[in-house]
Amino acid sequence: MTQPPLQAVLFDMDGTLVDTERLWWEAVQHVATGLGRPLTEADQPEVLGRPVEHTAAWLARITAQPVPRLTDRLHHEFTDRVRTGIVPRPGALDLLDALAREGVPTALVTASSRTVTDNVLTVLGADRFRISVTADDTPHTKPAPDPYLAACRALDVDPARCVAVEDTPTGVSSAEAAGCAVLAVPSLAPIDAAPGRTVVASLEEVTPNRLRALVGPRLRVMSWNLWLGGAKVDDHRAKQLKVILDTEADVVGLQETAGTAAQELADALGWYHHQAGENLGIISRHPITARLGDPDVGFYGAAGARIRIGRAREVDVWTAHLHYTPYGPYEAAFDGLGPAELIAHEDVRLAQMRETLRRIAESSDSEGPAILTGDFNSPSHLDRPDVAWPVTRAAEDAGLRDSYREAHPDPVRQPGHTWSPIHTRNEDDPTRPEPQDRIDYVLHNGHGLAVVDSRTVVTGVPRAWPDVADNDWPSDHAAVLTTFTLNQPN
């Protein structure tokens, strides 16, 4: 299974490459306020990512003003702001230049008029784009797919082999309707991650290789501690199945299966499974060709399965559960232990991780892709630089990469906590807030694997312990879901 080439990158303009979405909002706000109808957040779908004609028609309906007059006023207010206030978004010019150096064609696809677009191109550099498509160039503009389809026709590329970079739900809808993979960089309106859609906080996080990864064949791997099989929550098996189906996971590394969950979930899904001991399991929509590790592993330890994807590609997927005590975040928050003592108390987990890494090394082809999921019951050294947490350091030293931190390098901006969506106060002492930490992981060795996206998964808004029986989310951990592309190893 080879990675399809990235044929082109199609950039939205306003709010994506330049900070004009704010200027457009300010222009509409100025006109609307003058008519006695200030904008609110609820008005964003009628303004952000929309052409002037749409917003003028919408504003005419609610203010009883003529559409042509409103169109002229909006054009005037916005154009004045564009002439004096264009600022490239962080990382935009660097990304455009990097794509140019690697010979990847780019297009500008915008819902703005040709006049506004040409003004912006004088700042960005028109030579950075092979073509530009504006609201004047197609019968229908965003959210219709027409602008992106027109750009693909002009470049003679397949939309499925292109990435559209957008900042609004309207633009995302347009690109997805055209069949493009989408990288969303939200500006004013939030955008949720979804299959085929990756969300990042800034273009500074984006490289040509990351964009290439978005058009490759994908494998979604989830790590999930089921919490005693899910027995604390009513109708837990049906809720577990719904999570797996809703996330479109392909493989799930399970912990705390209560001995039967892996087989029961796999049977219900029509999937394959490997149950190891009383606690660990792997379920997969792809066939399992080998079971790895000790099939009689105890409550703590690791187990693996070789998954065949397509006709010939195989990936080793492991699941691990490491001992829960002593728990470093408690010792740091409640006992005041320093780095040296915290590291010394990781000996049991560190030994279990080293044994896991040994088994992975012995079972796997040295050049083959391998993924380790698990509840390590330990924070990461990538999240807490004041403590060199040895469990995750050992995995890193063995060549395993942390997929969540690859996708979200800033632990302050996106901490990715998995412990715990239901424990907000300490169970033994409710006067103390429960330390929130990232202790569940999807690691990989990078052999033929590239991270497209990684996120934590929690369904609904779970009620806190002990009032959990009716929760939609049937666990005390958040799950971790990572989307990989599969390509040929370097």
Protein backbone atom coordinates (compact mmCIF):
# COMPACT_ATOMS: atom_id res chain seq x y z
CA MET A 1 0.00 0.00 0.00
CA THR A 2 1.73 3.16 -1.19
CA GLN A 3 1.00 6.73 -0.26
CA PRO A 4 -0.78 8.68 -3.03
CA PRO A 5 0.99 11.89 -4.02
CA LEU A 6 -0.15 15.28 -2.80
CA GLN A 7 -1.14 16.94 -6.08
CA ALA A 8 -1.98 20.44 -4.82
CA VAL A 9 -2.78 22.54 -1.76
CA LEU A 10 -5.78 24.84 -2.05
CA PHE A 11 -5.81 27.78 0.36
CA ASP A 12 -8.72 29.84 1.51
CA MET A 13 -7.73 33.49 1.85
CA ASP A 14 -9.73 35.42 4.46
CA GLY A 15 -8.82 34.32 7.97
CA THR A 16 -6.59 31.51 6.70
CA LEU A 17 -3.67 33.20 4.99
CA VAL A 18 -4.40 36.79 6.01
CA ASP A 19 -6.24 38.19 8.97
CA THR A 20 -9.12 39.57 6.87
CA GLU A 21 -11.88 37.49 8.48
CA ARG A 22 -11.64 39.87 11.43
CA LEU A 23 -11.72 42.85 9.05
CA TRP A 24 -14.81 41.45 7.29
CA TRP A 25 -16.56 40.91 10.61
CA GLU A 26 -15.69 44.47 11.65
CA ALA A 27 -17.00 45.84 8.34
CA VAL A 28 -20.31 44.01 8.63
CA GLN A 29 -20.57 44.92 12.30
CA HIS A 30 -20.07 48.61 11.43
CA VAL A 31 -22.80 48.58 8.78
CA ALA A 32 -25.22 46.50 10.85
CA THR A 33 -24.74 48.61 13.97
CA GLY A 34 -25.43 51.73 11.96
CA LEU A 35 -28.75 50.19 11.01
CA GLY A 36 -29.61 49.40 14.63
CA ARG A 37 -28.81 45.67 14.42
CA PRO A 38 -25.40 44.92 16.04
CA LEU A 39 -24.06 41.44 15.29
CA THR A 40 -23.86 38.63 17.83
CA GLU A 41 -22.05 35.30 17.81
CA ALA A 42 -25.24 33.68 16.48
CA ASP A 43 -24.80 35.71 13.26
CA GLN A 44 -21.41 34.20 12.39
CA PRO A 45 -22.77 31.57 9.94
CA GLU A 46 -24.25 34.39 7.82
CA VAL A 47 -21.03 36.42 7.80
CA LEU A 48 -17.86 34.34 8.18
CA GLY A 49 -16.72 32.67 4.99
CA ARG A 50 -19.63 34.18 3.07
CA PRO A 51 -19.45 36.37 -0.05
CA VAL A 52 -20.63 39.94 0.23
CA GLU A 53 -23.78 39.18 -1.78
CA HIS A 54 -24.93 36.56 0.71
CA THR A 55 -24.33 38.74 3.75
CA ALA A 56 -25.94 41.76 2.08
CA ALA A 57 -29.06 39.74 1.23
CA TRP A 58 -29.24 38.38 4.78
CA LEU A 59 -28.78 41.83 6.30
CA ALA A 60 -31.43 43.25 3.95
CA ARG A 61 -33.96 40.74 5.24
CA ILE A 62 -33.48 41.76 8.86
CA THR A 63 -33.10 45.52 8.35
CA ALA A 64 -35.49 46.16 5.44
CA GLN A 65 -32.72 47.93 3.50
CA PRO A 66 -32.20 47.50 -0.25
CA VAL A 67 -29.72 44.79 -1.19
CA PRO A 68 -27.73 46.89 -3.74
CA ARG A 69 -27.17 49.65 -1.20
CA LEU A 70 -26.00 47.20 1.46
CA THR A 71 -23.72 45.44 -1.03
CA ASP A 72 -22.04 48.73 -1.93
CA ARG A 73 -21.63 49.74 1.73
CA LEU A 74 -20.16 46.37 2.72
CA HIS A 75 -17.75 46.46 -0.25
CA HIS A 76 -16.67 49.97 0.69
CA GLU A 77 -16.15 49.25 4.41
CA PHE A 78 -14.29 46.01 3.79
CA THR A 79 -12.08 47.35 0.99
CA ASP A 80 -11.02 50.32 3.10
CA ARG A 81 -9.98 47.98 5.90
CA VAL A 82 -8.15 45.60 3.54
CA ARG A 83 -6.04 48.43 2.08
CA THR A 84 -4.67 49.37 5.46
CA GLY A 85 -5.00 46.28 7.65
CA ILE A 86 -3.80 43.15 5.84
CA VAL A 87 -1.57 41.00 8.04
CA PRO A 88 -0.43 37.48 7.02
CA ARG A 89 -1.43 34.77 9.48
CA PRO A 90 1.42 33.21 11.52
CA GLY A 91 3.20 30.57 9.49
CA ALA A 92 1.34 31.35 6.24
CA LEU A 93 4.21 32.69 4.15
CA ASP A 94 6.66 30.09 5.48
CA LEU A 95 4.28 27.28 4.49
CA LEU A 96 3.68 28.73 1.02
CA ASP A 97 7.42 29.06 0.46
CA ALA A 98 8.08 25.52 1.71
CA LEU A 99 5.50 24.12 -0.72
CA ALA A 100 7.06 26.13 -3.55
CA ARG A 101 10.52 24.74 -2.75
CA GLU A 102 9.13 21.20 -2.94
CA GLY A 103 7.24 21.84 -6.17
CA VAL A 104 3.72 21.41 -4.76
CA PRO A 105 1.22 23.55 -6.71
CA THR A 106 -0.93 25.95 -4.70
CA ALA A 107 -4.16 27.78 -5.47
CA LEU A 108 -6.06 30.57 -3.75
CA VAL A 109 -9.77 29.74 -3.39
CA THR A 110 -11.80 32.52 -1.84
CA ALA A 111 -15.36 33.79 -1.44
CA SER A 112 -14.11 37.35 -1.75
CA SER A 113 -14.44 39.40 -4.93
CA ARG A 114 -11.69 39.68 -7.52
CA THR A 115 -11.04 43.29 -6.50
CA VAL A 116 -10.44 42.38 -2.85
CA THR A 117 -8.44 39.29 -3.79
CA ASP A 118 -6.08 41.25 -6.03
CA ASN A 119 -5.44 43.69 -3.19
CA VAL A 120 -4.54 40.79 -0.89
CA LEU A 121 -2.34 39.16 -3.54
CA THR A 122 -0.17 42.28 -3.62
CA VAL A 123 0.68 41.53 0.04
CA LEU A 124 0.99 37.73 -0.21
CA GLY A 125 2.68 37.74 -3.61
CA ALA A 126 0.62 36.62 -6.59
CA ASP A 127 3.54 34.49 -7.80
CA ARG A 128 3.04 32.19 -4.79
CA PHE A 129 -0.10 30.74 -6.45
CA ARG A 130 -0.60 28.96 -9.76
CA ILE A 131 -4.20 30.22 -9.95
CA SER A 132 -6.79 32.05 -7.90
CA VAL A 133 -10.55 31.44 -7.84
CA THR A 134 -12.81 34.17 -6.46
CA ALA A 135 -16.54 34.67 -5.91
CA ASP A 136 -16.67 36.26 -9.38
CA ASP A 137 -15.36 33.14 -11.12
CA THR A 138 -18.01 30.47 -10.43
CA PRO A 139 -21.83 30.40 -10.58
CA HIS A 140 -21.99 29.44 -6.90
CA THR A 141 -19.45 30.14 -4.20
CA LYS A 142 -18.85 28.62 -0.77
CA PRO A 143 -20.39 26.54 0.84
CA ALA A 144 -21.07 25.05 -2.61
CA PRO A 145 -18.20 22.91 -3.94
CA ASP A 146 -17.89 24.94 -7.16
CA PRO A 147 -14.82 27.06 -6.22
CA TYR A 148 -12.72 24.08 -5.18
CA LEU A 149 -13.83 22.02 -8.16
CA ALA A 150 -12.94 24.93 -10.44
CA ALA A 151 -9.46 25.17 -8.90
CA CYS A 152 -8.88 21.43 -9.35
CA ARG A 153 -9.98 21.59 -12.98
CA ALA A 154 -7.66 24.52 -13.65
CA LEU A 155 -4.73 22.68 -12.07
CA ASP A 156 -5.74 19.36 -13.68
CA VAL A 157 -5.65 17.55 -10.33
CA ASP A 158 -7.87 15.07 -8.50
CA PRO A 159 -9.72 16.69 -5.54
CA ALA A 160 -9.14 13.53 -3.50
CA ARG A 161 -5.39 14.10 -3.85
CA CYS A 162 -5.59 17.73 -2.72
CA VAL A 163 -5.68 19.37 0.68
CA ALA A 164 -7.87 22.42 1.26
CA VAL A 165 -6.78 24.74 4.06
CA GLU A 166 -9.75 26.55 5.60
CA ASP A 167 -10.70 28.57 8.67
CA THR A 168 -14.54 28.59 8.71
CA PRO A 169 -17.28 25.93 8.75
CA THR A 170 -18.60 27.40 5.50
CA GLY A 171 -15.29 26.91 3.75
CA VAL A 172 -14.83 23.44 5.23
CA SER A 173 -18.25 22.43 3.86
CA SER A 174 -17.27 23.68 0.40
CA ALA A 175 -13.96 21.79 0.35
CA GLU A 176 -15.42 18.57 1.72
CA ALA A 177 -18.28 18.70 -0.77
CA ALA A 178 -15.65 18.91 -3.52
CA GLY A 179 -13.96 15.78 -2.15
CA CYS A 180 -10.81 17.38 -0.78
CA ALA A 181 -9.06 16.45 2.43
CA VAL A 182 -9.32 19.40 4.80
CA LEU A 183 -6.89 21.04 7.19
CA ALA A 184 -8.86 23.47 9.34
CA VAL A 185 -7.21 26.38 11.14
CA PRO A 186 -10.15 28.03 12.94
CA SER A 187 -10.07 31.83 13.17
CA LEU A 188 -13.24 33.21 14.75
CA ALA A 189 -15.66 30.26 14.59
CA PRO A 190 -14.78 26.86 16.13
CA ILE A 191 -14.40 23.78 13.91
CA ASP A 192 -14.50 20.21 15.19
CA ALA A 193 -12.22 17.44 13.98
CA ALA A 194 -13.93 14.76 11.88
CA PRO A 195 -12.99 11.89 9.57
CA GLY A 196 -11.13 13.40 6.63
CA ARG A 197 -10.69 16.68 8.51
CA THR A 198 -7.73 17.67 10.65
CA VAL A 199 -7.84 20.70 12.96
CA VAL A 200 -4.74 22.62 14.04
CA ALA A 201 -4.34 25.79 16.03
CA SER A 202 -1.92 27.53 13.67
CA LEU A 203 -0.25 27.18 10.29
CA GLU A 204 3.02 27.27 12.22
CA GLU A 205 2.31 23.60 13.07
CA VAL A 206 1.99 22.60 9.40
CA THR A 207 4.68 21.26 7.07
CA PRO A 208 4.50 19.89 3.51
CA ASN A 209 5.00 16.39 4.92
CA ARG A 210 2.05 16.80 7.24
CA LEU A 211 -0.10 17.90 4.30
CA ARG A 212 1.09 14.90 2.28
CA ALA A 213 0.02 12.64 5.11
CA LEU A 214 -3.56 13.88 4.79
CA VAL A 215 -4.06 12.21 1.40
CA GLY A 216 -2.52 8.82 2.22
CA PRO A 217 -4.36 5.60 3.11
CA ARG A 218 -5.41 5.86 6.74
CA LEU A 219 -5.43 3.73 9.86
CA ARG A 220 -7.27 4.96 12.97
CA VAL A 221 -5.94 3.46 16.17
CA MET A 222 -7.54 4.00 19.56
CA SER A 223 -6.29 3.28 23.08
CA TRP A 224 -9.06 2.77 25.60
CA ASN A 225 -9.17 1.69 29.23
CA LEU A 226 -12.69 0.25 29.58
CA TRP A 227 -12.73 0.61 33.40
CA LEU A 228 -13.42 -2.87 34.72
CA GLY A 229 -15.00 -3.79 31.42
CA GLY A 230 -17.38 -0.83 31.70
CA ALA A 231 -19.43 -2.38 34.48
CA LYS A 232 -19.84 0.85 36.46
CA VAL A 233 -22.04 2.34 33.73
CA ASP A 234 -25.46 1.08 32.68
CA ASP A 235 -25.76 -0.45 29.19
CA HIS A 236 -22.00 -0.11 28.89
CA ARG A 237 -21.49 -2.57 26.02
CA ALA A 238 -23.88 -0.71 23.72
CA LYS A 239 -22.23 2.58 24.66
CA GLN A 240 -18.78 1.14 23.95
CA LEU A 241 -19.92 -0.03 20.53
CA LYS A 242 -21.35 3.39 19.74
CA VAL A 243 -18.04 5.07 20.59
CA ILE A 244 -16.10 2.72 18.33
CA LEU A 245 -18.51 3.19 15.45
CA ASP A 246 -18.75 6.98 15.88
CA THR A 247 -14.96 7.43 15.92
CA GLU A 248 -14.55 5.15 12.89
CA ALA A 249 -11.64 3.47 14.67
CA ASP A 250 -10.00 0.62 12.76
CA VAL A 251 -8.05 -0.94 15.63
CA VAL A 252 -8.59 -0.53 19.39
CA GLY A 253 -6.04 -1.46 22.05
CA LEU A 254 -8.05 -2.26 25.18
CA GLN A 255 -7.19 -2.33 28.86
CA GLU A 256 -9.39 -3.58 31.72
CA THR A 257 -11.45 -5.85 29.50
CA ALA A 258 -12.79 -7.95 32.42
CA GLY A 259 -11.79 -11.01 30.40
CA THR A 260 -14.63 -10.90 27.86
CA ALA A 261 -14.94 -7.40 26.38
CA ALA A 262 -12.58 -7.90 23.43
CA GLN A 263 -14.45 -10.92 22.09
CA GLU A 264 -17.90 -9.49 22.80
CA LEU A 265 -17.12 -6.17 21.12
CA ALA A 266 -15.49 -7.87 18.13
CA ASP A 267 -18.39 -10.29 17.70
CA ALA A 268 -20.90 -7.45 17.78
CA LEU A 269 -18.89 -5.45 15.22
CA GLY A 270 -18.03 -8.40 13.00
CA TRP A 271 -14.35 -7.72 13.71
CA TYR A 272 -11.30 -9.77 14.69
CA HIS A 273 -9.96 -9.91 18.24
CA HIS A 274 -7.11 -11.01 20.49
CA GLN A 275 -7.83 -11.42 24.20
CA ALA A 276 -4.73 -11.80 26.38
CA GLY A 277 -5.15 -12.76 30.01
CA GLU A 278 -7.92 -11.19 32.07
CA ASN A 279 -7.20 -7.56 31.23
CA LEU A 280 -5.82 -6.88 27.77
CA GLY A 281 -7.33 -7.12 24.32
CA ILE A 282 -7.07 -5.87 20.75
CA ILE A 283 -9.97 -5.62 18.32
CA SER A 284 -9.54 -4.88 14.62
CA ARG A 285 -11.68 -4.45 11.54
CA HIS A 286 -8.67 -5.84 9.61
CA PRO A 287 -7.64 -9.50 9.92
CA ILE A 288 -5.28 -10.54 12.71
CA THR A 289 -2.53 -12.75 11.28
CA ALA A 290 -0.51 -13.36 14.46
CA ARG A 291 -0.91 -12.99 18.20
CA LEU A 292 2.17 -11.59 19.91
CA GLY A 293 3.48 -11.70 23.46
CA ASP A 294 2.36 -13.88 26.36
CA PRO A 295 -1.28 -15.00 25.87
CA ASP A 296 -1.51 -15.58 29.62
CA VAL A 297 -0.15 -12.17 30.60
CA GLY A 298 -1.25 -11.02 34.05
CA PHE A 299 -3.40 -8.00 34.87
CA TYR A 300 -0.43 -5.73 34.08
CA GLY A 301 1.82 -6.16 31.09
CA ALA A 302 1.42 -6.06 27.30
CA ALA A 303 0.00 -8.06 24.41
CA GLY A 304 0.16 -7.59 20.65
CA ALA A 305 -1.44 -8.57 17.38
CA ARG A 306 -0.23 -8.40 13.80
CA ILE A 307 -2.87 -6.74 11.61
CA ARG A 308 -3.03 -7.27 7.84
CA ILE A 309 -4.20 -4.20 5.94
CA GLY A 310 -5.03 -4.71 2.31
CA ARG A 311 -3.39 -7.57 0.51
CA ALA A 312 0.11 -7.42 1.91
CA ARG A 313 0.68 -4.64 4.43
CA GLU A 314 1.07 -5.67 8.09
CA VAL A 315 1.22 -3.52 11.22
CA ASP A 316 2.00 -4.74 14.73
CA VAL A 317 -0.35 -3.20 17.31
CA TRP A 318 0.28 -3.63 21.03
CA THR A 319 -1.70 -2.75 24.13
CA ALA A 320 -0.14 -2.26 27.56
CA HIS A 321 -1.39 -1.63 31.08
CA LEU A 322 1.18 -0.60 33.68
CA HIS A 323 0.74 -0.69 37.46
CA TYR A 324 -1.24 2.15 38.99
CA THR A 325 0.62 2.63 42.26
CA PRO A 326 2.47 4.59 43.48
CA TYR A 327 0.87 7.27 41.33
CA GLY A 328 3.29 10.08 40.53
CA PRO A 329 0.76 12.93 40.14
CA TYR A 330 -0.60 12.19 43.64
CA GLU A 331 2.89 12.13 45.09
CA ALA A 332 3.72 15.42 43.41
CA ALA A 333 0.45 17.21 44.22
CA PHE A 334 -0.39 15.78 47.65
CA ASP A 335 2.95 14.65 49.11
CA GLY A 336 5.20 17.31 47.65
CA LEU A 337 7.81 14.87 46.34
CA GLY A 338 10.54 16.27 44.14
CA PRO A 339 11.79 15.00 40.76
CA ALA A 340 14.37 12.55 42.11
CA GLU A 341 11.88 10.81 44.41
CA LEU A 342 9.17 10.75 41.75
CA ILE A 343 11.52 9.14 39.26
CA ALA A 344 12.71 6.57 41.82
CA HIS A 345 9.11 5.54 42.49
CA GLU A 346 8.56 4.68 38.81
CA ASP A 347 10.67 1.51 39.07
CA VAL A 348 7.79 -0.98 38.81
CA ARG A 349 6.24 0.72 35.78
CA LEU A 350 9.64 1.26 34.21
CA ALA A 351 10.40 -2.46 34.47
CA GLN A 352 7.03 -3.27 32.90
CA MET A 353 7.68 -0.82 30.07
CA ARG A 354 11.14 -2.26 29.42
CA GLU A 355 9.64 -5.75 29.25
CA THR A 356 6.99 -4.45 26.84
CA LEU A 357 9.65 -2.85 24.65
CA ARG A 358 11.69 -6.06 24.69
CA ARG A 359 8.72 -8.10 23.52
CA ILE A 360 7.93 -5.58 20.77
CA ALA A 361 11.54 -5.66 19.55
CA GLU A 362 11.67 -9.47 19.58
CA SER A 363 8.34 -9.93 17.81
CA SER A 364 8.53 -7.23 15.16
CA ASP A 365 10.38 -6.82 11.91
CA SER A 366 12.98 -4.13 12.60
CA GLU A 367 11.76 -2.20 9.55
CA GLY A 368 8.06 -2.89 10.02
CA PRO A 369 5.49 -0.49 11.48
CA ALA A 370 4.64 -0.98 15.15
CA ILE A 371 2.15 0.86 17.37
CA LEU A 372 1.93 0.72 21.17
CA THR A 373 -1.31 1.76 22.84
CA GLY A 374 -1.85 1.76 26.56
CA ASP A 375 -2.68 3.10 29.97
CA PHE A 376 0.79 3.72 31.41
CA ASN A 377 -0.43 5.31 34.69
CA SER A 378 2.43 7.76 34.29
CA PRO A 379 2.69 11.31 32.97
CA SER A 380 4.91 12.09 30.02
CA HIS A 381 8.29 13.80 30.11
CA LEU A 382 7.01 15.76 27.09
CA ASP A 383 4.27 17.31 29.20
CA ARG A 384 6.13 17.97 32.48
CA PRO A 385 9.67 19.09 31.68
CA ASP A 386 10.42 19.53 35.39
CA VAL A 387 10.38 15.73 35.79
CA ALA A 388 12.12 13.35 33.38
CA TRP A 389 9.38 10.72 33.73
CA PRO A 390 11.25 7.51 32.91
CA VAL A 391 8.44 5.36 31.48
CA THR A 392 7.78 7.57 28.47
CA ARG A 393 11.49 8.37 28.18
CA ALA A 394 12.23 4.64 27.88
CA ALA A 395 9.71 4.34 25.06
CA GLU A 396 11.20 7.35 23.30
CA ASP A 397 14.72 5.98 23.72
CA ALA A 398 13.52 2.76 22.08
CA GLY A 399 12.42 4.72 19.01
CA LEU A 400 8.71 5.15 19.76
CA ARG A 401 7.09 8.50 19.06
CA ASP A 402 4.19 10.03 20.97
CA SER A 403 1.46 10.56 18.36
CA TYR A 404 -0.56 13.02 20.45
CA ARG A 405 2.43 15.28 21.04
CA GLU A 406 3.38 15.05 17.37
CA ALA A 407 -0.05 16.43 16.48
CA HIS A 408 -0.17 18.87 19.43
CA PRO A 409 3.36 19.95 20.38
CA ASP A 410 2.30 22.52 22.97
CA PRO A 411 1.26 20.81 26.24
CA VAL A 412 0.01 24.10 27.68
CA ARG A 413 -2.31 24.87 24.81
CA GLN A 414 -3.52 21.27 24.41
CA PRO A 415 -2.70 19.17 27.47
CA GLY A 416 -4.62 16.12 26.23
CA HIS A 417 -5.61 14.92 29.70
CA THR A 418 -7.02 11.41 29.85
CA TRP A 419 -7.26 11.10 33.63
CA SER A 420 -9.96 11.74 34.40
CA PRO A 421 -13.23 12.86 32.81
CA ILE A 422 -15.22 11.76 35.89
CA HIS A 423 -12.80 12.38 38.75
CA THR A 424 -12.69 16.11 39.36
CA ARG A 425 -12.15 15.74 43.13
CA ASN A 426 -9.91 13.18 44.77
CA GLU A 427 -11.86 10.06 45.69
CA ASP A 428 -10.11 9.62 49.04
CA ASP A 429 -10.23 13.30 49.97
CA PRO A 430 -12.94 15.27 48.12
CA THR A 431 -11.53 18.54 49.47
CA ARG A 432 -8.62 18.09 47.06
CA PRO A 433 -8.93 18.62 43.30
CA GLU A 434 -7.93 15.53 41.35
CA PRO A 435 -4.71 16.02 39.37
CA GLN A 436 -5.52 15.92 35.67
CA ASP A 437 -2.91 14.22 33.51
CA ARG A 438 -2.22 12.53 30.22
CA ILE A 439 -1.52 8.90 31.10
CA ASP A 440 -2.99 7.08 28.04
CA TYR A 441 -1.00 6.90 24.82
CA VAL A 442 -0.73 5.86 21.20
CA LEU A 443 2.98 5.54 20.36
CA HIS A 444 4.51 4.42 17.06
CA ASN A 445 7.91 3.67 15.56
CA GLY A 446 7.51 5.83 12.45
CA HIS A 447 8.23 2.99 10.02
CA GLY A 448 5.80 3.70 7.21
CA LEU A 449 3.54 5.61 9.61
CA ALA A 450 2.76 9.34 9.64
CA VAL A 451 0.46 11.05 12.12
CA VAL A 452 -2.41 12.94 10.52
CA ASP A 453 -4.28 13.74 13.71
CA SER A 454 -4.57 12.67 17.32
CA ARG A 455 -7.24 13.58 19.85
CA THR A 456 -8.80 12.52 23.09
CA VAL A 457 -12.31 11.08 22.99
CA VAL A 458 -15.05 11.48 25.57
CA THR A 459 -18.75 11.17 24.77
CA GLY A 460 -21.07 13.83 26.11
CA VAL A 461 -20.45 15.55 29.43
CA PRO A 462 -19.95 12.76 31.99
CA ARG A 463 -21.22 13.28 35.50
CA ALA A 464 -18.61 13.09 38.22
CA TRP A 465 -17.96 10.06 40.40
CA PRO A 466 -19.87 8.40 42.00
CA ASP A 467 -22.97 9.47 40.00
CA VAL A 468 -21.82 7.73 36.82
CA ALA A 469 -24.34 4.97 36.07
CA ASP A 470 -26.23 6.99 33.45
CA ASN A 471 -23.19 8.51 31.75
CA ASP A 472 -22.93 8.19 27.99
CA TRP A 473 -19.19 7.76 28.46
CA PRO A 474 -18.61 4.29 29.96
CA SER A 475 -15.11 4.78 31.37
CA ASP A 476 -13.09 6.74 33.90
CA HIS A 477 -10.38 7.47 31.29
CA ALA A 478 -10.60 9.46 28.10
CA ALA A 479 -9.61 7.43 25.05
CA VAL A 480 -6.89 8.49 22.62
CA LEU A 481 -7.58 8.25 18.88
CA THR A 482 -4.75 8.71 16.39
CA THR A 483 -5.13 8.73 12.61
CA PHE A 484 -2.10 7.50 10.70
CA THR A 485 -1.35 7.37 7.04
CA LEU A 486 0.48 4.29 5.78
CA ASN A 487 3.28 4.69 3.31
CA GLN A 488 6.36 2.82 2.32
CA PRO A 489 9.09 2.85 4.99
CA ASN A 490 12.06 5.14 4.38
